[in-house]
Every structure is written in C-alpha cells, then in structure tokens.
Amino acid sequence: MSDSKIIDGKKISSDIKNEIKLEVEKLKAEKGLVPGLAFMLVGENPASKVYVKSKGKACEELGFYSVTEKLPEDTSEEVLLAFIHKFNEDKLIHGILVQLPLPKHINEFKVIEAISFKKDVDGFHPDNVGRLSIDVDCFYPCTPYGIIELLKRSGVETKGKHCVVVGRSNIVGKPVASLMLKKSVNSTVTICHSATKDIGEITRQADILIAAIGKPEFIKQDMIKDGVVIIDVGINRVEDASTEKGYRLTGDVDYKGCYEKASKITPVPGGVGPMTIAMLMKNTLKSAKGEIKF
C-alpha cells in the first residue's frame, strides 16, 4: 500500500497543534493573553472522561489555561446552567465545552443554548449553526472543520467537485455539507441517509465521499468510482476474536475493499479522529484573538 494515498490525520493534527502553540507563545509575549477553555463533565461516562482528559492534556501542551468542572451524575439542570452562566461572564475563558451525552434528566438542547454563542467553540449553538448555513462568520463544529482541513492540507481540489455525504447528524453530516457548500470550498453537495433509496447509485457519483453513518464498513468497493477521495468519519467497535482485546476499530468504509479504487483515503483510527481536538484548540485560539466577527 502506497502511503501517498493515505490522508494522515495524526500528522496533520500535529502540524496544526504546533502552529497553534507558536501563536499562543506570541499572544502571551505581545499581549499577555492566554486562551482559556472551560470543560464541564457530568457523571461517570467512561468515554466522556477519556475525551475530557485528552482535551485537558492538549490545553496543557499548547499553553492554554483550562478549567475542568467534574459534576456528579445527579447534578441538576439548574446547577449546570449556573456553571455555564459563570463561565459566560468569565473574561479569562474564551471557550466553553459541555461534554455530551448528558444524563437523561438534563435537557441537552437547553444546555447548548445556554452557552454564549461567542464562546461556543464546539459550534453546536443554534446561532452558530444558523450562521454556518448562511455562510457568515461563526465557530465551525470541530469534526467537520477538521475534515475541511484534511482536504485542504492534502491538496484535494474541492471547487466544482461532487461531494456525497452519507449521514445527516447535527454533529457531522449536516454541518460538513454546509462547509462543503461554502464559497471558499465550492463543492456540489448531495446528502444520503438511512431512508435514501439505492445509496450506491449516488455514492458512485462522488468525487469526494464523506462517510458518517455509524455503520461498520457500510461503504463497499462497488459503491465508489475510481479516483474518489474518501473521508471516513466512522469509528465502530467490531468483535474480533483474533485480536488481544477481542475487538477491532473500523470505520464506516470497507478500507481494504475501497483502498485500491480511491485516490486518497483516511484510515481508522488515525484519520479524522485526531483532528477534532486540534480544531477545538483552533476555535478557542480564534475566540481569544477575537478573529470571528459576530
């Protein structure tokens, strides 16, 4: 397998983090300004704990100021909203992140809406979602933002290309479609989802295929054309008795089957995954510098 086909998310995210680190040092030296990020973790979800820990570690590495509020599972909605309000008013904090999912007794939408959209570095607030859809300045959701950077930094031509997005989630599918439609990217976009008839007929037309449907190895070799660029957002745990852990991680694309036909492809793991934290840091830096004109 020739490495030139593989879009290396680890390498690209590392490059972005190095760029951010240099900017942070410059910001501190010239303006005495340190980007600040507040995390809130409610409950004991093991995956959420890992994510928050890795985000906190990235803050440390890049010279950010960060605060993590770990709240018990039975924390009331009112208490969580009070913490958000406090961070909305805190001038040392430029980005606020509430780790999802939240316990069932807390209204997720209400919590997202309570975060100031000017500190919503996750890009989930309705104001940022709306601004993205009309192509004005806003915070982009981190995973879709990372996908755009992967394409850009891998030299993939997007102008006039047909991009097919498989999946319509609020976190990836819809926002990445909006980003691909932006004038600066200029792709033609089709969205497929679970109710789309004969998905293969549409995916075979893709110059750029973004798979974010949450089904292991859903995209097969016969569903793509020669020369397609594949961005695999999926991360699925599949039972595999031959491995030490008893499982393996796989994307939404049959990597082995599609590799030969693709001109470029992201691996899983090591493709889109590492980009999410890098872009969260990028959004927080932009917030600290006042780069986004709200």
Protein backbone atom coordinates (compact mmCIF):
# COMPACT_ATOMS: atom_id res chain seq x y z
CA MET A 1 0.00 0.00 0.00
CA SER A 2 1.45 3.35 -1.07
CA ASP A 3 1.42 5.91 1.76
CA SER A 4 0.75 8.78 -0.67
CA LYS A 5 -2.90 7.64 -0.76
CA ILE A 6 -3.33 7.83 2.99
CA ILE A 7 -4.53 11.12 4.48
CA ASP A 8 -2.63 11.09 7.78
CA GLY A 9 -4.78 12.80 10.41
CA LYS A 10 -2.16 12.29 13.12
CA LYS A 11 0.47 14.17 11.13
CA ILE A 12 -1.88 16.98 10.02
CA SER A 13 -3.34 17.47 13.52
CA SER A 14 0.20 17.57 14.93
CA ASP A 15 1.14 20.28 12.38
CA ILE A 16 -1.93 22.33 13.37
CA LYS A 17 -1.16 21.99 17.08
CA ASN A 18 2.43 23.13 16.50
CA GLU A 19 1.13 26.20 14.63
CA ILE A 20 -1.28 26.94 17.50
CA LYS A 21 1.47 26.56 20.11
CA LEU A 22 3.62 29.16 18.32
CA GLU A 23 0.66 31.56 18.08
CA VAL A 24 -0.10 31.13 21.79
CA GLU A 25 3.52 31.92 22.72
CA LYS A 26 3.35 35.04 20.53
CA LEU A 27 0.00 36.09 22.05
CA LYS A 28 1.39 35.72 25.58
CA ALA A 29 4.60 37.63 24.76
CA GLU A 30 2.93 40.51 22.87
CA LYS A 31 -0.42 40.93 24.64
CA GLY A 32 -0.19 38.91 27.86
CA LEU A 33 -3.20 36.97 26.61
CA VAL A 34 -3.71 33.26 27.31
CA PRO A 35 -6.53 31.33 25.54
CA GLY A 36 -8.87 29.88 28.19
CA LEU A 37 -11.10 26.82 27.86
CA ALA A 38 -13.68 25.56 30.39
CA PHE A 39 -14.84 21.93 30.39
CA MET A 40 -17.88 20.53 32.17
CA LEU A 41 -18.28 16.81 32.71
CA VAL A 42 -21.46 15.48 34.30
CA GLY A 43 -21.43 11.88 35.54
CA GLU A 44 -19.10 8.93 35.07
CA ASN A 45 -19.41 8.06 31.36
CA PRO A 46 -16.05 6.32 30.68
CA ALA A 47 -15.73 7.59 27.08
CA SER A 48 -16.58 11.15 28.16
CA LYS A 49 -13.95 11.03 30.91
CA VAL A 50 -11.30 9.94 28.37
CA TYR A 51 -12.32 12.72 25.92
CA VAL A 52 -12.22 15.45 28.58
CA LYS A 53 -8.86 14.22 29.88
CA SER A 54 -7.34 14.25 26.38
CA LYS A 55 -8.74 17.75 25.70
CA GLY A 56 -7.28 18.97 29.01
CA LYS A 57 -3.92 17.43 28.09
CA ALA A 58 -3.98 19.26 24.73
CA CYS A 59 -4.60 22.55 26.58
CA GLU A 60 -1.56 21.86 28.75
CA GLU A 61 0.65 21.01 25.76
CA LEU A 62 -0.34 24.13 23.82
CA GLY A 63 -0.06 26.57 26.73
CA PHE A 64 -3.80 27.21 27.18
CA TYR A 65 -5.45 27.99 30.52
CA SER A 66 -8.13 25.41 31.28
CA VAL A 67 -10.67 24.62 34.00
CA THR A 68 -12.49 21.29 34.34
CA GLU A 69 -15.67 21.07 36.42
CA LYS A 70 -16.45 17.42 37.21
CA LEU A 71 -20.03 17.21 38.42
CA PRO A 72 -21.86 14.16 39.83
CA GLU A 73 -24.42 12.21 37.78
CA ASP A 74 -27.34 13.61 39.82
CA THR A 75 -26.35 17.26 39.22
CA SER A 76 -29.49 19.27 38.47
CA GLU A 77 -30.02 21.16 35.24
CA GLU A 78 -30.14 24.41 37.25
CA VAL A 79 -26.70 23.81 38.78
CA LEU A 80 -25.16 23.03 35.38
CA LEU A 81 -26.77 26.15 33.84
CA ALA A 82 -25.36 28.23 36.72
CA PHE A 83 -21.83 26.99 35.92
CA ILE A 84 -22.35 27.87 32.25
CA HIS A 85 -23.54 31.36 33.19
CA LYS A 86 -20.45 31.82 35.39
CA PHE A 87 -18.12 30.88 32.51
CA ASN A 88 -20.08 33.04 30.05
CA GLU A 89 -19.17 36.01 32.27
CA ASP A 90 -15.55 34.97 32.96
CA LYS A 91 -13.16 37.09 30.89
CA LEU A 92 -10.35 34.50 31.26
CA ILE A 93 -12.50 31.90 29.50
CA HIS A 94 -12.76 32.11 25.69
CA GLY A 95 -14.35 28.72 25.05
CA ILE A 96 -16.93 26.60 26.90
CA LEU A 97 -17.46 22.91 26.32
CA VAL A 98 -20.08 20.72 27.98
CA GLN A 99 -19.17 17.08 27.29
CA LEU A 100 -22.04 15.17 25.69
CA PRO A 101 -24.01 12.97 26.22
CA LEU A 102 -25.57 14.38 29.39
CA PRO A 103 -27.59 12.36 31.94
CA LYS A 104 -31.21 11.86 30.81
CA HIS A 105 -32.72 14.29 33.35
CA ILE A 106 -30.86 17.23 31.76
CA ASN A 107 -32.17 18.86 28.58
CA GLU A 108 -29.20 18.80 26.18
CA PHE A 109 -30.59 21.47 23.84
CA LYS A 110 -31.28 23.85 26.73
CA VAL A 111 -27.68 23.43 27.92
CA ILE A 112 -26.19 24.05 24.46
CA GLU A 113 -28.41 27.10 24.06
CA ALA A 114 -27.27 28.49 27.44
CA ILE A 115 -23.62 28.69 26.31
CA SER A 116 -22.80 32.11 24.85
CA PHE A 117 -22.58 31.54 21.10
CA LYS A 118 -19.46 33.74 21.20
CA LYS A 119 -17.78 31.09 23.41
CA ASP A 120 -19.37 28.06 21.73
CA VAL A 121 -16.12 26.52 20.47
CA ASP A 122 -17.93 23.22 19.78
CA GLY A 123 -20.03 25.01 17.13
CA PHE A 124 -23.32 23.45 18.34
CA HIS A 125 -25.22 26.58 19.42
CA PRO A 126 -28.25 27.32 17.17
CA ASP A 127 -26.79 30.78 16.39
CA ASN A 128 -23.55 29.25 15.08
CA VAL A 129 -25.45 26.54 13.19
CA GLY A 130 -27.62 29.21 11.54
CA ARG A 131 -24.65 31.44 10.73
CA LEU A 132 -22.84 28.50 9.12
CA SER A 133 -25.89 27.75 6.95
CA ILE A 134 -25.84 31.31 5.54
CA ASP A 135 -22.03 31.37 5.22
CA VAL A 136 -21.19 34.15 7.69
CA ASP A 137 -18.52 34.21 10.41
CA CYS A 138 -19.04 31.62 13.16
CA PHE A 139 -17.46 28.71 15.02
CA TYR A 140 -17.47 25.56 12.89
CA PRO A 141 -18.19 22.22 14.61
CA CYS A 142 -14.80 20.61 15.25
CA THR A 143 -15.08 17.33 13.33
CA PRO A 144 -16.43 18.90 10.11
CA TYR A 145 -13.84 21.70 10.44
CA GLY A 146 -11.17 19.01 10.73
CA ILE A 147 -12.44 17.32 7.56
CA ILE A 148 -12.08 20.59 5.60
CA GLU A 149 -8.51 20.96 6.90
CA LEU A 150 -7.67 17.36 5.92
CA LEU A 151 -8.86 18.01 2.37
CA LYS A 152 -7.12 21.38 2.11
CA ARG A 153 -3.80 20.23 3.54
CA SER A 154 -3.80 17.08 1.40
CA GLY A 155 -4.11 19.16 -1.77
CA VAL A 156 -7.59 17.87 -2.65
CA GLU A 157 -9.36 20.08 -5.21
CA THR A 158 -12.90 20.82 -3.97
CA LYS A 159 -14.10 23.50 -6.39
CA GLY A 160 -16.91 22.14 -8.59
CA LYS A 161 -16.40 18.60 -7.26
CA HIS A 162 -19.35 16.41 -6.34
CA CYS A 163 -19.22 15.71 -2.60
CA VAL A 164 -21.54 12.99 -1.29
CA VAL A 165 -22.12 13.00 2.48
CA VAL A 166 -23.50 9.74 3.90
CA GLY A 167 -25.21 10.64 7.19
CA ARG A 168 -27.28 13.62 8.37
CA SER A 169 -26.34 14.06 12.05
CA ASN A 170 -26.23 17.53 13.59
CA ILE A 171 -22.64 16.92 14.68
CA VAL A 172 -21.13 15.82 11.34
CA GLY A 173 -23.44 15.21 8.35
CA LYS A 174 -25.37 18.48 8.16
CA PRO A 175 -22.54 20.87 9.15
CA VAL A 176 -19.96 19.23 6.86
CA ALA A 177 -22.43 19.58 3.98
CA SER A 178 -22.76 23.31 4.81
CA LEU A 179 -18.97 23.70 4.93
CA MET A 180 -18.51 21.94 1.57
CA LEU A 181 -21.07 24.36 0.09
CA LYS A 182 -19.22 27.47 1.33
CA LYS A 183 -17.95 29.72 -1.47
CA SER A 184 -14.37 29.18 -0.28
CA VAL A 185 -14.78 25.39 -0.79
CA ASN A 186 -17.32 25.46 -3.65
CA SER A 187 -18.36 21.81 -3.95
CA THR A 188 -21.69 20.46 -5.19
CA VAL A 189 -23.20 18.50 -2.29
CA THR A 190 -25.58 15.55 -2.03
CA ILE A 191 -26.64 14.13 1.36
CA CYS A 192 -27.67 10.47 1.70
CA HIS A 193 -29.13 8.85 4.82
CA SER A 194 -30.92 5.75 6.10
CA ALA A 195 -34.05 6.45 4.02
CA THR A 196 -32.19 7.11 0.74
CA LYS A 197 -33.08 4.59 -1.96
CA ASP A 198 -30.15 2.85 -3.67
CA ILE A 199 -27.41 4.78 -1.90
CA GLY A 200 -24.80 3.09 -4.10
CA GLU A 201 -26.19 4.79 -7.20
CA ILE A 202 -25.46 8.17 -5.58
CA THR A 203 -22.15 7.33 -3.85
CA ARG A 204 -20.75 6.10 -7.18
CA GLN A 205 -21.07 9.69 -8.46
CA ALA A 206 -18.91 11.12 -5.66
CA ASP A 207 -15.58 12.80 -6.35
CA ILE A 208 -15.32 13.25 -2.56
CA LEU A 209 -17.16 10.81 -0.29
CA ILE A 210 -17.66 11.64 3.40
CA ALA A 211 -18.95 8.62 5.30
CA ALA A 212 -20.57 9.44 8.68
CA ILE A 213 -23.44 6.97 9.00
CA GLY A 214 -22.26 4.98 12.04
CA LYS A 215 -22.42 1.54 10.39
CA PRO A 216 -19.22 -0.56 10.28
CA GLU A 217 -17.78 -0.95 6.77
CA PHE A 218 -21.05 0.19 5.17
CA ILE A 219 -19.36 1.68 2.08
CA LYS A 220 -18.19 -1.21 -0.13
CA GLN A 221 -15.93 -1.26 -3.18
CA ASP A 222 -18.89 -1.48 -5.59
CA MET A 223 -20.34 1.76 -4.11
CA ILE A 224 -17.45 4.00 -5.22
CA LYS A 225 -15.88 5.08 -8.50
CA ASP A 226 -12.20 5.03 -9.39
CA GLY A 227 -10.23 8.02 -8.12
CA VAL A 228 -12.65 9.04 -5.35
CA VAL A 229 -11.32 10.80 -2.23
CA ILE A 230 -12.74 9.05 0.86
CA ILE A 231 -13.09 10.68 4.28
CA ASP A 232 -14.20 8.06 6.81
CA VAL A 233 -15.67 9.66 9.93
CA GLY A 234 -16.95 6.41 11.46
CA ILE A 235 -15.37 4.74 14.45
CA ASN A 236 -17.00 1.42 15.28
CA ARG A 237 -16.00 -1.35 17.65
CA VAL A 238 -16.34 -4.73 15.93
CA GLU A 239 -15.89 -8.08 17.67
CA ASP A 240 -12.72 -9.84 16.54
CA ALA A 241 -11.55 -12.94 18.43
CA SER A 242 -8.17 -12.85 16.67
CA THR A 243 -7.15 -9.64 18.49
CA GLU A 244 -5.86 -9.34 22.04
CA LYS A 245 -8.73 -7.08 23.12
CA GLY A 246 -11.36 -9.20 21.39
CA TYR A 247 -12.39 -6.33 19.13
CA ARG A 248 -11.02 -4.02 16.45
CA LEU A 249 -11.85 -0.48 15.44
CA THR A 250 -13.22 0.08 11.97
CA GLY A 251 -14.73 2.96 10.07
CA ASP A 252 -17.92 3.28 8.02
CA VAL A 253 -15.89 2.31 4.93
CA ASP A 254 -14.57 -1.13 3.99
CA TYR A 255 -10.99 0.15 3.96
CA LYS A 256 -9.34 -2.89 2.37
CA GLY A 257 -12.02 -3.17 -0.31
CA CYS A 258 -12.02 0.55 -1.20
CA TYR A 259 -8.30 1.32 -0.90
CA GLU A 260 -7.34 0.36 -4.46
CA LYS A 261 -10.06 2.43 -6.14
CA ALA A 262 -9.58 5.54 -4.00
CA SER A 263 -7.09 8.27 -4.94
CA LYS A 264 -6.90 9.32 -1.26
CA ILE A 265 -8.41 7.78 1.88
CA THR A 266 -8.40 8.34 5.65
CA PRO A 267 -7.55 5.37 7.87
CA VAL A 268 -9.47 4.45 11.05
CA PRO A 269 -8.04 5.09 13.54
CA GLY A 270 -5.61 7.91 12.70
CA GLY A 271 -7.64 9.82 10.13
CA VAL A 272 -10.46 12.18 11.14
CA GLY A 273 -10.30 11.36 14.88
CA PRO A 274 -7.12 13.27 15.83
CA MET A 275 -8.39 16.39 14.01
CA THR A 276 -11.32 17.06 16.35
CA ILE A 277 -9.26 18.18 19.36
CA ALA A 278 -6.86 20.16 17.13
CA MET A 279 -9.81 22.14 15.71
CA LEU A 280 -11.29 22.68 19.18
CA MET A 281 -7.99 24.31 20.12
CA LYS A 282 -8.05 26.32 16.88
CA ASN A 283 -11.56 27.60 17.64
CA THR A 284 -10.53 28.60 21.18
CA LEU A 285 -7.49 30.46 19.86
CA LYS A 286 -9.69 32.29 17.33
CA SER A 287 -12.05 33.23 20.16
CA ALA A 288 -9.20 34.57 22.32
CA LYS A 289 -7.87 36.64 19.41
CA GLY A 290 -11.33 37.98 18.55
CA GLU A 291 -10.91 36.73 14.98
CA ILE A 292 -14.57 35.84 14.46
CA LYS A 293 -16.65 38.92 13.78
CA PHE A 294 -20.02 38.34 15.44
